[in-house]
Protein backbone atom coordinates (compact mmCIF):
# COMPACT_ATOMS: atom_id res chain seq x y z
CA MET A 1 -47.98 -94.95 -0.10
CA ALA A 2 -46.47 -94.30 -3.53
CA ALA A 3 -43.73 -91.78 -3.82
CA PRO A 4 -44.61 -88.49 -5.49
CA VAL A 5 -44.29 -88.68 -9.23
CA LYS A 6 -41.50 -86.63 -10.75
CA SER A 7 -42.48 -85.24 -14.11
CA THR A 8 -39.65 -85.53 -16.60
CA VAL A 9 -40.70 -82.22 -18.16
CA ASP A 10 -39.65 -80.44 -14.95
CA ALA A 11 -36.06 -81.79 -15.13
CA PRO A 12 -35.00 -81.66 -18.76
CA VAL A 13 -31.62 -82.64 -20.04
CA SER A 14 -30.22 -79.90 -22.31
CA ASP A 15 -29.34 -81.57 -25.55
CA VAL A 16 -30.19 -81.52 -29.22
CA GLN A 17 -30.20 -84.80 -31.00
CA THR A 18 -31.25 -85.95 -34.48
CA LEU A 19 -33.74 -88.79 -33.89
CA THR A 20 -36.21 -90.98 -35.58
CA ILE A 21 -39.58 -91.54 -33.89
CA GLY A 22 -38.40 -94.94 -32.70
CA LYS A 23 -35.22 -93.56 -31.15
CA ALA A 24 -37.16 -90.61 -29.62
CA LEU A 25 -39.62 -93.00 -27.94
CA ASN A 26 -36.71 -95.04 -26.62
CA LEU A 27 -35.07 -91.99 -25.21
CA GLY A 28 -38.31 -90.69 -23.75
CA LEU A 29 -38.91 -94.02 -22.01
CA ARG A 30 -35.36 -93.95 -20.68
CA ARG A 31 -35.73 -90.36 -19.29
CA ALA A 32 -39.04 -91.35 -17.57
CA MET A 33 -37.44 -94.41 -15.95
CA GLU A 34 -34.47 -92.32 -14.79
CA ALA A 35 -36.77 -89.75 -13.29
CA ASP A 36 -39.10 -92.15 -11.39
CA SER A 37 -38.20 -95.58 -10.08
CA LYS A 38 -41.93 -96.46 -10.11
CA VAL A 39 -41.98 -96.54 -13.92
CA ILE A 40 -42.10 -100.17 -15.10
CA ILE A 41 -42.20 -101.46 -18.70
CA LEU A 42 -43.95 -104.78 -19.43
CA GLY A 43 -44.91 -106.61 -22.61
CA GLU A 44 -44.07 -109.35 -25.04
CA ASP A 45 -40.35 -109.39 -25.96
CA VAL A 46 -39.80 -105.89 -24.57
CA GLY A 47 -36.74 -107.03 -22.54
CA LYS A 48 -33.95 -109.01 -24.05
CA LEU A 49 -35.17 -108.49 -27.63
CA GLY A 50 -36.04 -104.80 -27.09
CA GLY A 51 -39.47 -105.17 -28.70
CA VAL A 52 -40.24 -106.35 -32.23
CA PHE A 53 -39.64 -102.70 -33.37
CA ARG A 54 -36.71 -102.23 -30.99
CA ILE A 55 -38.45 -99.36 -29.19
CA THR A 56 -37.33 -100.65 -25.71
CA ASP A 57 -33.92 -101.70 -26.89
CA GLY A 58 -31.31 -101.60 -24.15
CA LEU A 59 -33.68 -100.67 -21.34
CA GLN A 60 -33.66 -104.08 -19.62
CA LYS A 61 -29.94 -104.16 -19.74
CA ASP A 62 -29.71 -100.72 -18.05
CA PHE A 63 -32.63 -100.93 -15.69
CA GLY A 64 -32.86 -104.63 -14.92
CA GLU A 65 -35.42 -107.40 -15.24
CA GLN A 66 -37.43 -106.04 -12.32
CA ARG A 67 -38.32 -102.91 -14.22
CA VAL A 68 -38.42 -104.15 -17.81
CA LEU A 69 -40.43 -107.43 -17.79
CA ASP A 70 -40.89 -109.92 -20.59
CA THR A 71 -44.41 -111.26 -20.32
CA PRO A 72 -46.26 -114.31 -21.68
CA LEU A 73 -48.25 -113.89 -24.91
CA ALA A 74 -51.36 -112.80 -23.03
CA GLU A 75 -52.54 -109.20 -23.48
CA SER A 76 -55.28 -109.54 -20.92
CA GLY A 77 -52.67 -110.60 -18.46
CA ILE A 78 -50.37 -107.72 -19.33
CA ILE A 79 -53.15 -105.13 -18.75
CA GLY A 80 -54.52 -106.87 -15.70
CA THR A 81 -51.07 -106.99 -14.10
CA ALA A 82 -50.55 -103.30 -14.97
CA VAL A 83 -53.82 -102.36 -13.28
CA GLY A 84 -52.65 -104.15 -10.11
CA LEU A 85 -49.23 -102.47 -10.24
CA ALA A 86 -50.90 -99.02 -10.75
CA VAL A 87 -53.16 -99.51 -7.75
CA ARG A 88 -50.07 -100.24 -5.66
CA GLY A 89 -48.42 -97.01 -6.71
CA PHE A 90 -46.41 -97.95 -9.78
CA ARG A 91 -46.59 -96.38 -13.22
CA PRO A 92 -46.68 -99.29 -15.69
CA VAL A 93 -46.03 -98.84 -19.41
CA CYS A 94 -47.45 -101.73 -21.36
CA GLU A 95 -46.53 -102.54 -24.94
CA ILE A 96 -49.07 -104.21 -27.17
CA GLN A 97 -46.91 -105.72 -29.86
CA PHE A 98 -49.35 -104.94 -32.79
CA GLU A 99 -52.62 -103.05 -32.56
CA GLY A 100 -54.63 -106.02 -33.62
CA PHE A 101 -53.46 -107.92 -30.60
CA ILE A 102 -55.13 -105.46 -28.20
CA PHE A 103 -58.53 -107.07 -28.36
CA PRO A 104 -57.85 -109.94 -25.94
CA ALA A 105 -57.21 -107.08 -23.44
CA PHE A 106 -60.29 -105.12 -24.47
CA ASP A 107 -62.32 -106.17 -21.41
CA GLN A 108 -59.45 -105.34 -19.03
CA ILE A 109 -59.01 -101.91 -20.68
CA THR A 110 -62.68 -100.88 -20.86
CA SER A 111 -64.09 -102.60 -17.79
CA GLN A 112 -61.24 -102.07 -15.30
CA LEU A 113 -58.61 -99.62 -16.52
CA ALA A 114 -61.08 -97.03 -17.71
CA LYS A 115 -63.39 -97.22 -14.72
CA LEU A 116 -61.46 -97.65 -11.45
CA HIS A 117 -60.77 -93.95 -10.90
CA TYR A 118 -64.43 -93.03 -11.37
CA ARG A 119 -65.76 -96.04 -9.54
CA THR A 120 -63.76 -95.21 -6.44
CA GLN A 121 -64.71 -91.52 -6.54
CA GLY A 122 -61.15 -90.59 -7.30
CA ARG A 123 -59.57 -92.42 -4.40
CA VAL A 124 -57.74 -94.88 -6.73
CA LYS A 125 -55.55 -93.68 -9.60
CA VAL A 126 -54.54 -95.96 -12.47
CA PRO A 127 -51.63 -94.22 -14.21
CA VAL A 128 -51.11 -96.86 -16.90
CA VAL A 129 -49.77 -96.17 -20.38
CA VAL A 130 -50.65 -98.64 -23.09
CA ARG A 131 -48.33 -98.25 -26.09
CA VAL A 132 -50.01 -99.37 -29.33
CA PRO A 133 -48.07 -99.51 -32.64
CA PHE A 134 -50.80 -98.86 -35.20
CA GLY A 135 -51.53 -98.33 -38.88
CA GLY A 136 -50.51 -99.83 -42.18
CA GLY A 137 -47.73 -99.30 -44.62
CA ILE A 138 -45.34 -102.08 -43.48
CA GLY A 139 -46.57 -104.81 -45.88
CA ALA A 140 -48.31 -106.83 -43.20
CA VAL A 141 -51.77 -108.32 -42.94
CA GLU A 142 -54.78 -107.78 -40.71
CA HIS A 143 -54.02 -107.74 -36.96
CA HIS A 144 -50.70 -106.04 -37.85
CA SER A 145 -51.87 -103.02 -39.83
CA GLU A 146 -55.18 -101.83 -38.36
CA SER A 147 -56.30 -98.54 -36.80
CA PRO A 148 -58.70 -99.24 -33.87
CA GLU A 149 -58.17 -95.92 -32.09
CA SER A 150 -61.80 -94.76 -32.56
CA LEU A 151 -62.99 -97.68 -30.40
CA PHE A 152 -60.98 -96.51 -27.45
CA ALA A 153 -61.63 -92.82 -27.91
CA HIS A 154 -65.27 -93.69 -27.43
CA ILE A 155 -64.60 -95.14 -23.92
CA PRO A 156 -65.05 -92.63 -21.02
CA GLY A 157 -62.17 -92.73 -18.60
CA LEU A 158 -59.46 -93.33 -21.23
CA LYS A 159 -57.17 -90.73 -22.68
CA VAL A 160 -56.02 -91.43 -26.25
CA VAL A 161 -53.09 -89.70 -28.01
CA SER A 162 -50.99 -90.22 -31.12
CA CYS A 163 -47.58 -88.77 -32.06
CA SER A 164 -46.42 -88.00 -35.64
CA ASN A 165 -42.88 -86.72 -35.27
CA PRO A 166 -39.79 -87.35 -33.12
CA ALA A 167 -40.16 -84.29 -30.83
CA ASP A 168 -43.69 -85.21 -29.95
CA ALA A 169 -42.71 -88.85 -29.49
CA TYR A 170 -39.99 -87.92 -27.04
CA TRP A 171 -42.06 -85.47 -24.96
CA MET A 172 -45.55 -87.04 -25.24
CA ILE A 173 -44.47 -90.49 -23.95
CA GLN A 174 -42.98 -88.78 -20.88
CA GLN A 175 -46.10 -86.67 -20.37
CA ALA A 176 -48.34 -89.73 -20.78
CA ILE A 177 -46.38 -91.59 -18.12
CA ALA A 178 -46.62 -88.65 -15.73
CA CYS A 179 -50.40 -88.42 -16.32
CA ASP A 180 -52.51 -89.87 -13.47
CA ASP A 181 -55.16 -91.14 -15.96
CA PRO A 182 -54.84 -94.24 -18.16
CA VAL A 183 -53.45 -93.25 -21.54
CA LEU A 184 -53.53 -95.24 -24.81
CA PHE A 185 -50.52 -94.08 -26.79
CA PHE A 186 -50.93 -94.83 -30.52
CA GLU A 187 -47.57 -94.90 -32.38
CA PRO A 188 -47.26 -94.79 -36.19
CA LYS A 189 -45.28 -97.97 -36.72
CA ARG A 190 -44.36 -97.32 -40.33
CA LEU A 191 -42.63 -94.11 -39.32
CA TYR A 192 -40.66 -95.61 -36.38
CA HIS A 193 -37.38 -95.72 -38.33
CA SER A 194 -38.24 -93.56 -41.30
CA GLY A 195 -35.67 -91.10 -42.37
CA HIS A 196 -38.39 -88.93 -43.91
CA VAL A 197 -39.53 -87.75 -40.48
CA LYS A 198 -36.11 -87.93 -38.73
CA SER A 199 -35.40 -84.54 -37.21
CA GLU A 200 -33.60 -82.60 -34.49
CA VAL A 201 -35.13 -82.85 -31.03
CA ASP A 202 -34.32 -80.30 -28.36
CA THR A 203 -34.74 -82.29 -25.15
CA SER A 204 -34.64 -78.99 -23.14
CA ALA A 205 -37.71 -77.60 -25.01
CA PRO A 206 -40.96 -79.41 -24.21
CA SER A 207 -43.40 -79.69 -27.12
CA GLY A 208 -46.30 -78.18 -25.21
CA PRO A 209 -49.34 -79.69 -23.44
CA LEU A 210 -50.11 -83.33 -23.99
CA PHE A 211 -53.85 -82.95 -24.76
CA ALA A 212 -53.57 -80.22 -27.33
CA SER A 213 -53.67 -80.19 -31.15
CA ARG A 214 -51.19 -78.00 -33.21
CA VAL A 215 -51.09 -76.21 -36.56
CA VAL A 216 -48.03 -77.68 -38.27
CA ARG A 217 -48.36 -75.76 -41.51
CA GLN A 218 -50.23 -72.52 -42.06
CA GLY A 219 -52.53 -71.97 -44.99
CA THR A 220 -55.47 -69.99 -46.25
CA ASP A 221 -57.49 -72.01 -48.82
CA ALA A 222 -58.48 -75.18 -46.90
CA THR A 223 -57.90 -76.92 -43.55
CA VAL A 224 -56.62 -80.46 -43.50
CA VAL A 225 -56.69 -82.32 -40.19
CA ALA A 226 -54.87 -85.59 -39.36
CA TYR A 227 -53.03 -87.48 -36.68
CA GLY A 228 -50.30 -90.17 -36.44
CA PRO A 229 -49.05 -91.50 -39.82
CA SER A 230 -51.51 -89.44 -41.84
CA VAL A 231 -49.90 -86.16 -40.83
CA LYS A 232 -46.85 -86.69 -43.06
CA VAL A 233 -49.26 -87.62 -45.96
CA CYS A 234 -51.09 -84.35 -45.38
CA LEU A 235 -47.84 -82.30 -45.22
CA ASP A 236 -46.68 -83.85 -48.43
CA ALA A 237 -50.11 -83.01 -50.04
CA ALA A 238 -49.80 -79.39 -48.86
CA THR A 239 -46.38 -79.19 -50.50
CA ALA A 240 -47.78 -80.56 -53.74
CA ALA A 241 -50.81 -78.21 -53.58
CA ALA A 242 -48.57 -75.21 -53.14
CA GLU A 243 -47.01 -75.94 -56.50
CA GLU A 244 -50.50 -75.48 -57.98
CA GLY A 245 -51.07 -72.21 -56.05
CA ARG A 246 -53.20 -73.61 -53.28
CA SER A 247 -52.49 -72.94 -49.57
CA LEU A 248 -53.45 -75.76 -47.26
CA GLU A 249 -53.40 -75.43 -43.44
CA VAL A 250 -52.43 -78.69 -41.77
CA ILE A 251 -53.35 -79.49 -38.21
CA ASP A 252 -51.95 -82.39 -36.20
CA LEU A 253 -54.61 -83.49 -33.68
CA ARG A 254 -52.14 -85.22 -31.34
CA THR A 255 -54.95 -85.88 -28.83
CA LEU A 256 -57.88 -88.02 -29.86
CA SER A 257 -59.61 -88.18 -26.45
CA PRO A 258 -60.15 -85.55 -25.31
CA LEU A 259 -60.27 -83.86 -28.77
CA ASP A 260 -58.86 -80.38 -28.85
CA LEU A 261 -60.81 -78.79 -31.70
CA ALA A 262 -60.39 -75.12 -30.88
CA PRO A 263 -57.51 -74.72 -33.40
CA VAL A 264 -59.57 -76.62 -35.98
CA PHE A 265 -62.62 -74.30 -35.43
CA GLU A 266 -60.39 -71.20 -35.68
CA SER A 267 -58.78 -72.50 -38.90
CA VAL A 268 -62.08 -73.54 -40.58
CA ARG A 269 -63.60 -70.09 -39.83
CA ARG A 270 -60.78 -68.62 -41.90
CA THR A 271 -60.51 -71.15 -44.72
CA GLY A 272 -64.12 -72.19 -45.02
CA ARG A 273 -63.18 -75.85 -45.97
CA LEU A 274 -62.12 -78.95 -44.06
CA VAL A 275 -60.71 -82.32 -45.09
CA VAL A 276 -60.16 -84.91 -42.33
CA VAL A 277 -57.63 -87.67 -42.99
CA SER A 278 -57.24 -90.93 -41.12
CA GLU A 279 -56.29 -94.58 -41.82
CA ALA A 280 -59.21 -95.82 -39.77
CA PRO A 281 -62.51 -96.72 -41.50
CA SER A 282 -64.82 -93.68 -41.74
CA GLU A 283 -67.98 -95.24 -40.21
CA SER A 284 -68.55 -94.07 -36.64
CA SER A 285 -65.02 -92.78 -36.40
CA ILE A 286 -62.92 -89.88 -35.02
CA ALA A 287 -63.14 -88.37 -38.44
CA SER A 288 -66.97 -88.55 -38.23
CA GLU A 289 -66.93 -86.81 -34.82
CA ILE A 290 -64.73 -84.03 -36.12
CA ALA A 291 -67.00 -83.53 -39.08
CA ALA A 292 -70.09 -83.32 -36.84
CA ARG A 293 -68.44 -80.92 -34.40
CA VAL A 294 -67.16 -78.62 -37.12
CA GLN A 295 -70.56 -78.57 -38.79
CA GLN A 296 -72.15 -77.64 -35.48
CA GLU A 297 -69.60 -74.92 -34.49
CA CYS A 298 -68.66 -73.49 -37.91
CA PHE A 299 -71.85 -73.97 -39.97
CA TYR A 300 -71.98 -70.37 -41.26
CA SER A 301 -68.30 -70.35 -42.13
CA LEU A 302 -68.28 -73.46 -44.29
CA GLU A 303 -68.02 -72.97 -48.06
CA SER A 304 -68.34 -76.73 -48.72
CA PRO A 305 -69.22 -79.93 -46.86
CA VAL A 306 -66.61 -81.43 -44.55
CA LEU A 307 -64.95 -84.25 -46.45
CA ARG A 308 -63.22 -87.39 -45.09
CA VAL A 309 -60.27 -89.32 -46.58
CA THR A 310 -59.98 -92.56 -44.68
CA GLY A 311 -59.49 -96.27 -44.82
CA PHE A 312 -62.43 -98.21 -46.22
CA ASP A 313 -65.18 -99.91 -44.22
CA THR A 314 -63.69 -103.36 -44.83
CA PRO A 315 -61.21 -105.53 -42.92
CA TYR A 316 -57.63 -104.58 -43.64
CA PRO A 317 -56.71 -106.06 -47.08
CA PRO A 318 -53.76 -108.30 -48.08
CA SER A 319 -50.42 -106.40 -48.13
CA LYS A 320 -50.35 -106.17 -51.97
CA LEU A 321 -53.57 -104.11 -51.81
CA GLU A 322 -52.82 -101.78 -48.95
CA GLU A 323 -51.60 -98.96 -51.17
CA HIS A 324 -55.15 -98.81 -52.53
CA TYR A 325 -56.65 -98.89 -49.02
CA LEU A 326 -54.49 -96.25 -47.22
CA PRO A 327 -55.13 -92.52 -47.74
CA ASP A 328 -52.30 -91.17 -49.89
CA LEU A 329 -51.32 -87.82 -51.45
CA ASP A 330 -53.58 -88.25 -54.52
CA ARG A 331 -56.68 -89.03 -52.42
CA VAL A 332 -56.05 -86.04 -50.17
CA LEU A 333 -55.55 -83.73 -53.12
CA HIS A 334 -58.59 -85.05 -54.84
CA ALA A 335 -60.69 -84.24 -51.70
CA VAL A 336 -59.17 -80.70 -51.63
CA ASP A 337 -60.19 -80.34 -55.30
CA ARG A 338 -63.74 -81.35 -54.45
CA ALA A 339 -63.87 -78.99 -51.56
CA MET A 340 -62.53 -76.07 -53.58
CA GLY A 341 -64.86 -76.79 -56.44
CA TRP A 342 -68.05 -76.92 -54.42
């Protein structure tokens, strides 16, 4: 019988630290491992190297090789091992080195991880967290810069979340580990060590529920919704728009499955306009789902069609072209202009 899980949010350490997203994730993982001996980290190079992005740096040294395991280059084996560990009462945290490497584990994630709890009528829990660095902006090629989150948000039985700032990174990783359901945790890799989002994190003040979106900038003229790396783009766009006298409300989704759209509906009913921003291709995407749901719930409040600013429906381009592929400030502002001019 597994020992009761101790949620790290119930035993906070009072401290304010200035952290990047990468350091916040590292600290959040450390707090989770300190709070519960059943938390185990496994993945390629997560131990001695500390991960290719150094997110697990120092954890093997402090917690030992039995709790921070370097695995072979076999994603299906990583997830399969984690499923077995979870069934035996552990709380595995798997790292997929780059988002494009997740597909060898797709069968394990969708056929086993997502279904065991339902298949056993709730008798078996699989509290596995799969950490997925995702998105572009690091000058890499396909398999290292993609945004496959819509694929997993479509799978019943999986929870899918994404952080965009250090405070959320610190708290959300702990909340995901404490969750009894499998959680895919998408991390904006280009912001891991960025000083542009580095900020103070009060480790005694939880960021709120895990599966909840949040208004991060209030506005009156149009609503802009994003998640992960696109949130900073939208905040920068809102700052630029304010110089032209336009007030944009920015909402950070945070949770992609389940979607928490109540704050989006409330905002759109006030502003009458919505722009959804994501690095993922627009076809059959989370952005598409948001557009459909807002049209359904807020039809009589809309002053213009819901617009999407996304990656293109092509494989990820060579690194020299990624600046033309990724949504940027100009593309977001252009969409706002179109919405306002309708």
